[in-house]
Protein backbone atom coordinates (compact mmCIF):
# COMPACT_ATOMS: atom_id res chain seq x y z
CA MET A 1 -12.71 34.24 19.28
CA SER A 2 -10.07 32.34 17.29
CA ASN A 3 -8.14 33.87 14.47
CA PRO A 4 -9.32 32.26 11.19
CA ARG A 5 -5.91 32.86 9.59
CA SER A 6 -4.24 30.99 12.45
CA ASP A 7 -6.50 27.97 11.83
CA ILE A 8 -5.59 27.99 8.12
CA ASP A 9 -1.86 28.20 8.89
CA SER A 10 -2.16 25.36 11.40
CA GLN A 11 -4.05 23.18 8.90
CA SER A 12 -1.49 23.94 6.20
CA THR A 13 1.34 22.85 8.48
CA VAL A 14 -0.44 19.59 9.31
CA THR A 15 -1.05 18.89 5.59
CA GLN A 16 2.62 19.59 4.77
CA ASP A 17 3.74 17.24 7.57
CA ILE A 18 1.45 14.46 6.28
CA ASP A 19 2.67 15.04 2.71
CA SER A 20 6.29 14.86 3.91
CA GLN A 21 5.58 11.61 5.77
CA ASP A 22 3.82 10.12 2.72
CA THR A 23 6.70 11.14 0.46
CA GLY A 24 9.24 9.67 2.88
CA ALA A 25 7.33 6.39 3.09
CA LEU A 26 7.00 6.26 -0.70
CA LEU A 27 10.73 6.88 -1.17
CA LEU A 28 11.66 4.26 1.42
CA ARG A 29 9.37 1.67 -0.18
CA HIS A 30 10.96 2.29 -3.58
CA GLN A 31 14.51 2.37 -2.18
CA GLN A 32 13.96 -1.11 -0.75
CA ARG A 33 12.78 -2.54 -4.10
CA ASP A 34 15.08 -5.24 -5.49
CA ARG A 35 16.79 -3.95 -8.63
CA GLY A 36 19.14 -6.89 -9.14
CA PRO A 37 22.92 -7.07 -9.24
CA ALA A 38 23.39 -4.62 -12.13
CA ALA A 39 22.13 -1.71 -10.02
CA ASP A 40 24.51 -2.74 -7.23
CA LEU A 41 27.41 -2.89 -9.70
CA LEU A 42 26.62 0.69 -10.78
CA GLY A 43 26.40 1.99 -7.19
CA HIS A 44 22.70 2.87 -7.56
CA ARG A 45 20.95 4.94 -4.86
CA LEU A 46 17.45 6.37 -5.33
CA LEU A 47 17.40 9.94 -3.97
CA THR A 48 14.01 11.46 -4.81
CA ILE A 49 10.62 10.59 -6.25
CA ASP A 50 8.11 13.12 -7.54
CA GLN A 51 5.02 11.12 -8.54
CA ASP A 52 3.14 14.25 -9.65
CA ALA A 53 5.90 15.05 -12.15
CA GLY A 54 6.58 11.39 -12.95
CA SER A 55 10.26 11.85 -12.15
CA VAL A 56 13.05 10.45 -10.02
CA GLU A 57 16.64 11.36 -9.21
CA VAL A 58 19.28 8.69 -8.70
CA GLU A 59 22.91 8.78 -7.64
CA PHE A 60 25.47 6.36 -9.07
CA GLN A 61 29.08 5.80 -8.05
CA ALA A 62 31.41 5.90 -11.05
CA GLN A 63 34.07 3.44 -9.90
CA ASP A 64 37.30 2.28 -11.57
CA HIS A 65 35.91 -1.09 -12.70
CA LEU A 66 33.50 0.75 -15.04
CA TYR A 67 36.24 2.45 -17.07
CA ASN A 68 38.04 1.67 -20.30
CA PRO A 69 41.86 1.91 -20.75
CA MET A 70 41.51 5.63 -21.66
CA GLY A 71 40.15 6.34 -18.16
CA VAL A 72 36.57 7.18 -19.16
CA MET A 73 33.42 5.24 -18.42
CA GLN A 74 32.39 2.63 -20.97
CA GLY A 75 29.28 3.75 -22.87
CA GLY A 76 27.41 0.58 -21.95
CA PHE A 77 27.65 1.40 -18.25
CA THR A 78 26.55 4.96 -18.92
CA SER A 79 23.49 3.78 -20.83
CA ALA A 80 22.76 1.19 -18.10
CA MET A 81 22.65 4.03 -15.55
CA ALA A 82 20.23 6.01 -17.72
CA GLU A 83 18.10 2.89 -18.33
CA GLN A 84 17.92 2.00 -14.63
CA THR A 85 16.87 5.55 -13.76
CA MET A 86 14.18 5.53 -16.46
CA ILE A 87 12.88 2.19 -15.14
CA ASP A 88 12.81 3.69 -11.62
CA ALA A 89 10.73 6.63 -12.93
CA VAL A 90 8.16 4.37 -14.60
CA VAL A 91 7.95 2.02 -11.60
CA ALA A 92 7.53 5.03 -9.27
CA LEU A 93 4.75 6.46 -11.42
CA THR A 94 2.89 3.12 -11.29
CA ASP A 95 3.73 2.80 -7.55
CA LEU A 96 5.23 -0.69 -7.90
CA ASP A 97 2.14 -2.02 -9.75
CA SER A 98 3.99 -2.69 -13.04
CA ASP A 99 7.01 -4.60 -14.19
CA VAL A 100 8.90 -2.57 -16.79
CA VAL A 101 10.78 -3.82 -19.85
CA MET A 102 12.54 -1.43 -22.21
CA LEU A 103 11.48 -1.87 -25.82
CA GLU A 104 13.75 0.76 -27.32
CA MET A 105 16.37 3.18 -26.03
CA GLN A 106 18.44 5.95 -27.61
CA CYS A 107 21.49 7.24 -25.75
CA ASN A 108 23.55 10.32 -26.61
CA TYR A 109 27.03 10.69 -25.10
CA LEU A 110 27.90 14.37 -24.70
CA THR A 111 31.08 14.33 -22.62
CA ALA A 112 33.40 11.86 -20.92
CA ILE A 113 32.57 10.63 -17.44
CA HIS A 114 35.38 10.31 -14.90
CA PRO A 115 35.33 8.74 -11.40
CA GLY A 116 33.05 10.21 -8.77
CA PRO A 117 29.38 10.45 -7.86
CA LEU A 118 26.97 10.93 -10.76
CA ARG A 119 23.37 12.15 -10.77
CA CYS A 120 20.69 11.01 -13.17
CA ARG A 121 17.19 12.44 -13.51
CA ALA A 122 14.43 10.67 -15.42
CA THR A 123 10.90 11.78 -16.26
CA VAL A 124 8.00 9.87 -17.73
CA THR A 125 6.80 12.09 -20.58
CA ARG A 126 3.75 9.99 -21.46
CA LYS A 127 2.17 6.87 -20.00
CA GLY A 128 -0.51 4.70 -21.54
CA ARG A 129 -2.01 1.38 -20.45
CA SER A 130 0.81 -0.77 -21.81
CA THR A 131 3.65 1.60 -22.72
CA ALA A 132 5.46 4.59 -21.30
CA PHE A 133 7.78 7.13 -22.89
CA VAL A 134 10.59 8.33 -20.67
CA GLU A 135 13.70 10.51 -20.86
CA ALA A 136 16.84 10.79 -18.72
CA SER A 137 19.75 13.16 -18.17
CA LEU A 138 22.98 11.93 -16.58
CA PHE A 139 25.31 14.50 -15.02
CA ASN A 140 29.01 13.96 -14.32
CA SER A 141 30.60 14.58 -10.91
CA ALA A 142 31.12 18.26 -11.83
CA GLY A 143 27.38 18.65 -12.50
CA LYS A 144 27.80 18.91 -16.29
CA LEU A 145 25.28 17.15 -18.55
CA ALA A 146 27.14 14.09 -19.85
CA THR A 147 24.46 11.82 -21.36
CA THR A 148 20.86 12.05 -22.49
CA ALA A 149 18.56 9.15 -23.22
CA THR A 150 15.01 8.48 -24.34
CA ALA A 151 13.15 5.20 -24.23
CA VAL A 152 9.89 3.38 -24.79
CA ALA A 153 8.98 0.95 -22.03
CA SER A 154 6.49 -1.90 -21.96
CA LEU A 155 4.35 -2.14 -18.80
CA HIS A 156 3.15 -5.46 -17.42
CA PRO A 157 1.02 -5.98 -14.29
CA HIS A 158 3.28 -7.00 -11.44
CA SER A 159 2.59 -10.60 -10.49
CA GLY A 160 5.14 -11.35 -7.73
CA ASP A 161 5.78 -10.35 -4.16
CA ARG A 162 7.82 -7.19 -3.56
């Protein structure tokens, strides 16, 4: 006679493996999405997607060409990183079915950003049929919160090939 607990454990492992494969495929599909030259300029790299939470995590490379004469990152580049991450979160939540255009964005600069890898996390806080509300937190290379942002995005059905 088989152990019922053993069957449950085995099924749980299979489900976790399938979930991991689905998550990996989802991440790969989104990593391969064309983001245009601005994302390349910022050193964008999508790290994680959590569709259930409506969130993503992105790494950026803070390179010398993004800095002002005082040696800190220009605010426009900082806000571009937050915006790109928020767009990634909305696109991930719609699973590539929507094109996203920011209607409004507020950015708060909390501390200077110096060269090195940066992490940005964005979460969709509310999504309707044609708009989404999203927030982001950008962390400097020491892991300290450097910038926060909120935005309202307009969603449009995607009409082109991906």
